[in-house]
Structure formats: structure tokens, C-alpha cells
């Protein structure tokens, strides 16, 4: 498979927490808040609009080549000339605060694409590059590729 898909989702990234639980009539039930469901639906629609015509969700191994979450800059970034100038030319500033990159951002994103881009997000076997940063244009950039065609992976050096 020569899968190569690129997506750009314009707007502020959103962290999706794990399902919440409530006791209803003595039974525990899990649920997602409405805002999480709405965000995932928005991602799904944006993805469908960017997929090639006739795309069918793949059930092959998938590599996340690049996953970038760009958040709106903080007001304090504009108060420092160096940071302000850096942002103006398209530069980015690292974000080492909440939300969590893998748990809340990447997981929510992959869950939203399940059934549309890939049959199940368990088919993702590798994430090569991912980051969360501040930048002038809030967005999510995602590049997916195929992978694992030969299924044999060389050992990694430690």
C-alpha cells in the first residue's frame, strides 16, 4: 500500500479527555460530553472533505508521519518583541503545558478519524513526529503514510 494522506484542520486544537462515568439507576454508564462529540464530528467532516474521491477506510498498517497541534499564542508572547517577531514570520513557540500530547490531543484526533480514514486506530503502528506548539494560525496538521509492508522491523539501539 502506498498510503499518503495530508490533512489540515483550521481552528483551535481541542483536548479530548477519556469518557466520563455516571451512575444512572444504579448502573454505571460511560459518556462523552456534548462538546467532545461535536468536536469529533467537526474533525470527521473536515477529514471527509479532504480525502480523495472514493476513499474507503483502510484496514492496513498506518504510520503517523507528522502530527502537529498549533495553539493560539498567549498574550505574554506578544509582549516580548523577540517572540512577537518570531510569530509574525510564521515561527512557533514550544508548548509544554496542558493538554497532554499523547493522551488527550493525539488520542482524541485518532478516535475522531476512526471509521473514516482507517477502520480502527489500532492500525496505527508508529508515530514518527508529533508536537504541540503556539503559532499565529491555530490548526492541526496530520500526515499519514502506509507502513509495515514487510512486517519485519529492525531492532532499535538503546
Foldseek 3Di string as FASTA:
>chain_A
DWDKFKAKFFDAFDWFADWDWDQDPNDIDTDGDPVLVVVLVSLLVRVLVRDPPPDFAAAAAKEWAEKEFEHADDPVLCVDVVSVVCQVVWHWAADPDDDDFVRTGVVSNLVSCDRPHHVHSVSYDYYNYYGYTYHHTGIIMTIMTGDCPVVDDDDDDD
